[in-house]
């Protein structure tokens, strides 16, 4: 299946087959894809919580606008942002650059100093908004990878971040949930899987200059 066929195949799955579980090999592909997602400055202010616990999944349904996909899915991906992106976090990133690329300090330091100063002077709300945008990038990337791997997914904004954070103890991990994505395999009776994809004509969505 090529990329376009895969994207035509995918849809926001409304009913998962609860008996079908994603293999460890496929799950590792998705986790690697998350980690390889492009992020602003390369800072990766996001983490992916991979939930495979039917009791917790069932408990989270009522905090997900009663969307049963959360309970039915093989796994539930919770996209989280780091609650703190500070000087130490940024310095740790640049240390990774030095370790992996052996980049000289003379090249690293000006950009590092700029980021440290910029984040130090940025309101908490601005940093949260910036980090949340990176979570959307990761979700978009994983939706495509899921389609290529013939794994079904349902991206969700409709959930209570506060309740997810409490039930999964995310605050203690320095995280805040911002997006949810149940993943697995569609139920053959999901009527949505038989419907045509509704999109604009290409000429109405793309401008070539």
C-alpha atoms as a PDB file:
ATOM      1  CA  UNK A   1       0.000   0.000   0.000  1.00  0.00           C
ATOM      2  CA  UNK A   2       1.441   3.374  -0.966  1.00  0.00           C
ATOM      3  CA  UNK A   3       1.127   6.463   1.217  1.00  0.00           C
ATOM      4  CA  UNK A   4      -1.917   7.923  -0.560  1.00  0.00           C
ATOM      5  CA  UNK A   5      -3.794   4.614  -0.523  1.00  0.00           C
ATOM      6  CA  UNK A   6      -2.982   4.273   3.188  1.00  0.00           C
ATOM      7  CA  UNK A   7      -4.330   7.757   3.946  1.00  0.00           C
ATOM      8  CA  UNK A   8      -7.499   6.996   1.988  1.00  0.00           C
ATOM      9  CA  UNK A   9      -7.862   3.774   3.987  1.00  0.00           C
ATOM     10  CA  UNK A  10      -7.621   5.416   7.407  1.00  0.00           C
ATOM     11  CA  UNK A  11     -10.501   7.080   9.228  1.00  0.00           C
ATOM     12  CA  UNK A  12     -11.309   8.102  12.796  1.00  0.00           C
ATOM     13  CA  UNK A  13     -12.306   4.662  14.058  1.00  0.00           C
ATOM     14  CA  UNK A  14     -15.550   4.632  16.015  1.00  0.00           C
ATOM     15  CA  UNK A  15     -15.618   0.965  17.054  1.00  0.00           C
ATOM     16  CA  UNK A  16     -12.556  -1.172  17.716  1.00  0.00           C
ATOM     17  CA  UNK A  17     -12.388  -4.965  17.816  1.00  0.00           C
ATOM     18  CA  UNK A  18     -11.446  -5.457  21.468  1.00  0.00           C
ATOM     19  CA  UNK A  19     -10.117  -8.967  20.764  1.00  0.00           C
ATOM     20  CA  UNK A  20      -7.350  -7.755  18.445  1.00  0.00           C
ATOM     21  CA  UNK A  21      -4.087  -6.585  20.023  1.00  0.00           C
ATOM     22  CA  UNK A  22      -1.249  -4.718  18.343  1.00  0.00           C
ATOM     23  CA  UNK A  23       1.899  -6.845  18.212  1.00  0.00           C
ATOM     24  CA  UNK A  24       5.021  -5.801  20.091  1.00  0.00           C
ATOM     25  CA  UNK A  25       6.800  -5.312  16.752  1.00  0.00           C
ATOM     26  CA  UNK A  26       4.127  -2.909  15.473  1.00  0.00           C
ATOM     27  CA  UNK A  27       3.960  -1.112  18.805  1.00  0.00           C
ATOM     28  CA  UNK A  28       7.709  -0.536  18.716  1.00  0.00           C
ATOM     29  CA  UNK A  29       7.368   0.992  15.235  1.00  0.00           C
ATOM     30  CA  UNK A  30       4.789   3.460  16.538  1.00  0.00           C
ATOM     31  CA  UNK A  31       6.893   4.393  19.568  1.00  0.00           C
ATOM     32  CA  UNK A  32       9.969   4.918  17.379  1.00  0.00           C
ATOM     33  CA  UNK A  33       7.892   7.048  15.007  1.00  0.00           C
ATOM     34  CA  UNK A  34       6.783   9.198  17.927  1.00  0.00           C
ATOM     35  CA  UNK A  35      10.372   9.691  19.033  1.00  0.00           C
ATOM     36  CA  UNK A  36      11.447  10.595  15.484  1.00  0.00           C
ATOM     37  CA  UNK A  37       8.771  13.259  15.048  1.00  0.00           C
ATOM     38  CA  UNK A  38      10.066  16.716  14.178  1.00  0.00           C
ATOM     39  CA  UNK A  39       9.689  19.259  16.990  1.00  0.00           C
ATOM     40  CA  UNK A  40      10.453  22.952  17.329  1.00  0.00           C
ATOM     41  CA  UNK A  41      14.186  23.515  18.012  1.00  0.00           C
ATOM     42  CA  UNK A  42      14.459  19.725  18.354  1.00  0.00           C
ATOM     43  CA  UNK A  43      13.623  20.087  22.055  1.00  0.00           C
ATOM     44  CA  UNK A  44      10.974  17.323  22.198  1.00  0.00           C
ATOM     45  CA  UNK A  45       8.886  18.853  25.010  1.00  0.00           C
ATOM     46  CA  UNK A  46       6.489  15.906  24.729  1.00  0.00           C
ATOM     47  CA  UNK A  47       6.146  12.355  25.968  1.00  0.00           C
ATOM     48  CA  UNK A  48       3.912   9.498  24.908  1.00  0.00           C
ATOM     49  CA  UNK A  49       2.154   7.429  27.549  1.00  0.00           C
ATOM     50  CA  UNK A  50       1.227   4.022  26.130  1.00  0.00           C
ATOM     51  CA  UNK A  51      -1.658   2.517  28.058  1.00  0.00           C
ATOM     52  CA  UNK A  52      -2.610  -1.157  27.825  1.00  0.00           C
ATOM     53  CA  UNK A  53      -4.635  -1.774  30.930  1.00  0.00           C
ATOM     54  CA  UNK A  54      -8.288  -2.640  30.357  1.00  0.00           C
ATOM     55  CA  UNK A  55      -9.361  -1.652  33.854  1.00  0.00           C
ATOM     56  CA  UNK A  56      -7.821   1.815  33.498  1.00  0.00           C
ATOM     57  CA  UNK A  57      -9.071   2.141  29.922  1.00  0.00           C
ATOM     58  CA  UNK A  58     -12.620   1.418  31.084  1.00  0.00           C
ATOM     59  CA  UNK A  59     -12.243   3.885  33.949  1.00  0.00           C
ATOM     60  CA  UNK A  60     -11.156   6.618  31.520  1.00  0.00           C
ATOM     61  CA  UNK A  61     -14.217   6.303  29.267  1.00  0.00           C
ATOM     62  CA  UNK A  62     -16.361   8.597  31.424  1.00  0.00           C
ATOM     63  CA  UNK A  63     -13.566  11.183  31.318  1.00  0.00           C
ATOM     64  CA  UNK A  64     -13.434  10.893  27.515  1.00  0.00           C
ATOM     65  CA  UNK A  65     -16.961  12.129  26.769  1.00  0.00           C
ATOM     66  CA  UNK A  66     -18.075   8.476  27.037  1.00  0.00           C
ATOM     67  CA  UNK A  67     -16.213   7.509  23.883  1.00  0.00           C
ATOM     68  CA  UNK A  68     -16.067   3.724  24.121  1.00  0.00           C
ATOM     69  CA  UNK A  69     -13.056   3.496  21.795  1.00  0.00           C
ATOM     70  CA  UNK A  70     -10.901   4.192  24.859  1.00  0.00           C
ATOM     71  CA  UNK A  71     -12.034   0.914  26.441  1.00  0.00           C
ATOM     72  CA  UNK A  72     -12.155  -1.125  23.217  1.00  0.00           C
ATOM     73  CA  UNK A  73      -8.775  -0.203  21.747  1.00  0.00           C
ATOM     74  CA  UNK A  74      -5.702  -2.402  21.910  1.00  0.00           C
ATOM     75  CA  UNK A  75      -3.763   0.521  23.398  1.00  0.00           C
ATOM     76  CA  UNK A  76      -4.458   4.130  24.238  1.00  0.00           C
ATOM     77  CA  UNK A  77      -1.805   6.704  23.379  1.00  0.00           C
ATOM     78  CA  UNK A  78      -1.816   9.766  25.643  1.00  0.00           C
ATOM     79  CA  UNK A  79       0.206  12.656  24.258  1.00  0.00           C
ATOM     80  CA  UNK A  80       1.682  14.731  27.062  1.00  0.00           C
ATOM     81  CA  UNK A  81       3.705  17.907  27.378  1.00  0.00           C
ATOM     82  CA  UNK A  82       6.495  18.544  29.848  1.00  0.00           C
ATOM     83  CA  UNK A  83       5.277  20.776  32.668  1.00  0.00           C
ATOM     84  CA  UNK A  84       8.698  22.397  32.952  1.00  0.00           C
ATOM     85  CA  UNK A  85      10.973  23.415  30.098  1.00  0.00           C
ATOM     86  CA  UNK A  86      13.688  25.338  31.895  1.00  0.00           C
ATOM     87  CA  UNK A  87      17.422  26.020  31.696  1.00  0.00           C
ATOM     88  CA  UNK A  88      18.333  22.529  32.887  1.00  0.00           C
ATOM     89  CA  UNK A  89      16.037  20.957  30.270  1.00  0.00           C
ATOM     90  CA  UNK A  90      17.592  23.016  27.477  1.00  0.00           C
ATOM     91  CA  UNK A  91      21.145  22.362  28.652  1.00  0.00           C
ATOM     92  CA  UNK A  92      20.398  18.634  28.691  1.00  0.00           C
ATOM     93  CA  UNK A  93      19.290  18.853  25.051  1.00  0.00           C
ATOM     94  CA  UNK A  94      22.498  20.553  23.979  1.00  0.00           C
ATOM     95  CA  UNK A  95      24.526  17.996  25.897  1.00  0.00           C
ATOM     96  CA  UNK A  96      22.877  15.325  23.738  1.00  0.00           C
ATOM     97  CA  UNK A  97      23.938  17.267  20.650  1.00  0.00           C
ATOM     98  CA  UNK A  98      27.528  17.309  21.871  1.00  0.00           C
ATOM     99  CA  UNK A  99      27.461  13.594  22.680  1.00  0.00           C
ATOM    100  CA  UNK A 100      25.912  12.507  19.387  1.00  0.00           C
ATOM    101  CA  UNK A 101      27.474  15.002  16.958  1.00  0.00           C
ATOM    102  CA  UNK A 102      30.582  16.151  18.816  1.00  0.00           C
ATOM    103  CA  UNK A 103      29.606  19.726  17.966  1.00  0.00           C
ATOM    104  CA  UNK A 104      32.049  22.338  19.358  1.00  0.00           C
ATOM    105  CA  UNK A 105      30.864  24.672  22.123  1.00  0.00           C
ATOM    106  CA  UNK A 106      31.653  27.656  19.907  1.00  0.00           C
ATOM    107  CA  UNK A 107      28.864  26.565  17.585  1.00  0.00           C
ATOM    108  CA  UNK A 108      26.435  25.346  20.236  1.00  0.00           C
ATOM    109  CA  UNK A 109      26.655  28.108  22.835  1.00  0.00           C
ATOM    110  CA  UNK A 110      25.106  31.061  20.942  1.00  0.00           C
ATOM    111  CA  UNK A 111      21.942  29.124  20.101  1.00  0.00           C
ATOM    112  CA  UNK A 112      21.812  27.511  23.543  1.00  0.00           C
ATOM    113  CA  UNK A 113      22.124  30.894  25.268  1.00  0.00           C
ATOM    114  CA  UNK A 114      19.410  32.341  23.039  1.00  0.00           C
ATOM    115  CA  UNK A 115      16.966  29.545  23.888  1.00  0.00           C
ATOM    116  CA  UNK A 116      17.705  29.690  27.612  1.00  0.00           C
ATOM    117  CA  UNK A 117      17.052  33.431  27.669  1.00  0.00           C
ATOM    118  CA  UNK A 118      13.955  33.181  25.485  1.00  0.00           C
ATOM    119  CA  UNK A 119      12.331  30.458  27.600  1.00  0.00           C
ATOM    120  CA  UNK A 120      13.338  32.187  30.831  1.00  0.00           C
ATOM    121  CA  UNK A 121      11.437  35.303  29.715  1.00  0.00           C
ATOM    122  CA  UNK A 122       8.400  33.488  28.292  1.00  0.00           C
ATOM    123  CA  UNK A 123       5.143  33.200  30.271  1.00  0.00           C
ATOM    124  CA  UNK A 124       4.185  29.675  31.340  1.00  0.00           C
ATOM    125  CA  UNK A 125       1.068  29.828  29.146  1.00  0.00           C
ATOM    126  CA  UNK A 126       3.118  30.571  26.023  1.00  0.00           C
ATOM    127  CA  UNK A 127       5.432  27.633  26.675  1.00  0.00           C
ATOM    128  CA  UNK A 128       2.436  25.336  27.233  1.00  0.00           C
ATOM    129  CA  UNK A 129       0.884  26.463  23.940  1.00  0.00           C
ATOM    130  CA  UNK A 130       4.186  25.939  22.131  1.00  0.00           C
ATOM    131  CA  UNK A 131       4.628  22.459  23.626  1.00  0.00           C
ATOM    132  CA  UNK A 132       1.036  21.499  22.798  1.00  0.00           C
ATOM    133  CA  UNK A 133       1.670  22.340  19.139  1.00  0.00           C
ATOM    134  CA  UNK A 134       4.487  19.801  19.187  1.00  0.00           C
ATOM    135  CA  UNK A 135       2.059  17.165  20.490  1.00  0.00           C
ATOM    136  CA  UNK A 136      -0.191  17.842  17.492  1.00  0.00           C
ATOM    137  CA  UNK A 137       2.793  17.353  15.190  1.00  0.00           C
ATOM    138  CA  UNK A 138       3.457  13.995  16.824  1.00  0.00           C
ATOM    139  CA  UNK A 139      -0.166  12.910  16.554  1.00  0.00           C
ATOM    140  CA  UNK A 140      -0.264  13.828  12.864  1.00  0.00           C
ATOM    141  CA  UNK A 141       2.905  11.857  12.266  1.00  0.00           C
ATOM    142  CA  UNK A 142       1.586   8.800  14.094  1.00  0.00           C
ATOM    143  CA  UNK A 143      -1.740   8.912  12.274  1.00  0.00           C
ATOM    144  CA  UNK A 144       0.173   8.545   9.018  1.00  0.00           C
ATOM    145  CA  UNK A 145       2.450   5.801  10.346  1.00  0.00           C
ATOM    146  CA  UNK A 146      -0.574   3.941  11.726  1.00  0.00           C
ATOM    147  CA  UNK A 147      -2.190   4.068   8.289  1.00  0.00           C
ATOM    148  CA  UNK A 148       0.965   2.765   6.615  1.00  0.00           C
ATOM    149  CA  UNK A 149       1.096  -0.096   9.137  1.00  0.00           C
ATOM    150  CA  UNK A 150      -2.640  -0.822   8.736  1.00  0.00           C
ATOM    151  CA  UNK A 151      -3.342   0.093  12.339  1.00  0.00           C
ATOM    152  CA  UNK A 152      -6.545   1.963  13.121  1.00  0.00           C
ATOM    153  CA  UNK A 153      -6.623   5.067  15.277  1.00  0.00           C
ATOM    154  CA  UNK A 154      -8.999   7.713  16.570  1.00  0.00           C
ATOM    155  CA  UNK A 155      -7.518  11.131  17.439  1.00  0.00           C
ATOM    156  CA  UNK A 156      -9.330  12.781  20.367  1.00  0.00           C
ATOM    157  CA  UNK A 157      -9.424  16.205  21.952  1.00  0.00           C
ATOM    158  CA  UNK A 158     -12.624  15.455  23.852  1.00  0.00           C
ATOM    159  CA  UNK A 159     -11.373  14.317  27.234  1.00  0.00           C
ATOM    160  CA  UNK A 160     -10.696  15.714  30.694  1.00  0.00           C
ATOM    161  CA  UNK A 161      -6.990  16.367  30.975  1.00  0.00           C
ATOM    162  CA  UNK A 162      -7.340  16.978  34.710  1.00  0.00           C
ATOM    163  CA  UNK A 163      -8.922  13.563  35.303  1.00  0.00           C
ATOM    164  CA  UNK A 164      -6.493  11.729  33.034  1.00  0.00           C
ATOM    165  CA  UNK A 165      -3.587  13.373  34.841  1.00  0.00           C
ATOM    166  CA  UNK A 166      -5.008  12.370  38.215  1.00  0.00           C
ATOM    167  CA  UNK A 167      -5.893   8.758  37.348  1.00  0.00           C
ATOM    168  CA  UNK A 168      -2.587   8.089  35.549  1.00  0.00           C
ATOM    169  CA  UNK A 169      -0.478  10.109  38.048  1.00  0.00           C
ATOM    170  CA  UNK A 170       0.944  12.207  35.234  1.00  0.00           C
ATOM    171  CA  UNK A 171       1.570  15.327  37.304  1.00  0.00           C
ATOM    172  CA  UNK A 172       3.975  13.349  39.499  1.00  0.00           C
ATOM    173  CA  UNK A 173       5.836  12.458  36.307  1.00  0.00           C
ATOM    174  CA  UNK A 174       6.093  16.140  35.363  1.00  0.00           C
ATOM    175  CA  UNK A 175       3.563  15.721  32.558  1.00  0.00           C
ATOM    176  CA  UNK A 176       0.238  17.152  31.407  1.00  0.00           C
ATOM    177  CA  UNK A 177      -2.004  15.268  28.976  1.00  0.00           C
ATOM    178  CA  UNK A 178      -3.145  17.209  25.923  1.00  0.00           C
ATOM    179  CA  UNK A 179      -4.323  14.627  23.343  1.00  0.00           C
ATOM    180  CA  UNK A 180      -5.599  11.058  23.333  1.00  0.00           C
ATOM    181  CA  UNK A 181      -5.467   8.450  20.558  1.00  0.00           C
ATOM    182  CA  UNK A 182      -6.882   4.933  20.948  1.00  0.00           C
ATOM    183  CA  UNK A 183      -5.165   2.548  18.508  1.00  0.00           C
ATOM    184  CA  UNK A 184      -5.962  -0.990  17.406  1.00  0.00           C
ATOM    185  CA  UNK A 185      -8.045  -2.641  14.722  1.00  0.00           C
ATOM    186  CA  UNK A 186     -11.471  -1.639  13.472  1.00  0.00           C
ATOM    187  CA  UNK A 187     -14.514  -3.715  14.221  1.00  0.00           C
ATOM    188  CA  UNK A 188     -15.947  -5.109  11.002  1.00  0.00           C
ATOM    189  CA  UNK A 189     -19.358  -3.724  11.990  1.00  0.00           C
ATOM    190  CA  UNK A 190     -18.106  -0.140  12.342  1.00  0.00           C
ATOM    191  CA  UNK A 191     -20.387   1.594   9.856  1.00  0.00           C
ATOM    192  CA  UNK A 192     -17.941   4.495   9.499  1.00  0.00           C
ATOM    193  CA  UNK A 193     -15.398   2.226   7.818  1.00  0.00           C
ATOM    194  CA  UNK A 194     -17.762   1.732   4.854  1.00  0.00           C
ATOM    195  CA  UNK A 195     -18.389   5.423   4.215  1.00  0.00           C
ATOM    196  CA  UNK A 196     -16.577   7.487   1.613  1.00  0.00           C
ATOM    197  CA  UNK A 197     -13.967   9.981   2.773  1.00  0.00           C
ATOM    198  CA  UNK A 198     -15.269  13.542   2.729  1.00  0.00           C
ATOM    199  CA  UNK A 199     -12.641  16.016   1.573  1.00  0.00           C
ATOM    200  CA  UNK A 200     -12.501  19.127  -0.587  1.00  0.00           C
ATOM    201  CA  UNK A 201     -11.415  18.817  -4.182  1.00  0.00           C
ATOM    202  CA  UNK A 202      -7.634  19.138  -4.382  1.00  0.00           C
ATOM    203  CA  UNK A 203      -7.971  22.387  -6.349  1.00  0.00           C
ATOM    204  CA  UNK A 204      -9.928  23.861  -3.419  1.00  0.00           C
ATOM    205  CA  UNK A 205      -7.413  22.924  -0.736  1.00  0.00           C
ATOM    206  CA  UNK A 206      -4.046  23.483  -2.453  1.00  0.00           C
ATOM    207  CA  UNK A 207      -2.711  26.622  -4.113  1.00  0.00           C
ATOM    208  CA  UNK A 208       0.261  26.185  -6.418  1.00  0.00           C
ATOM    209  CA  UNK A 209       2.158  29.426  -7.091  1.00  0.00           C
END
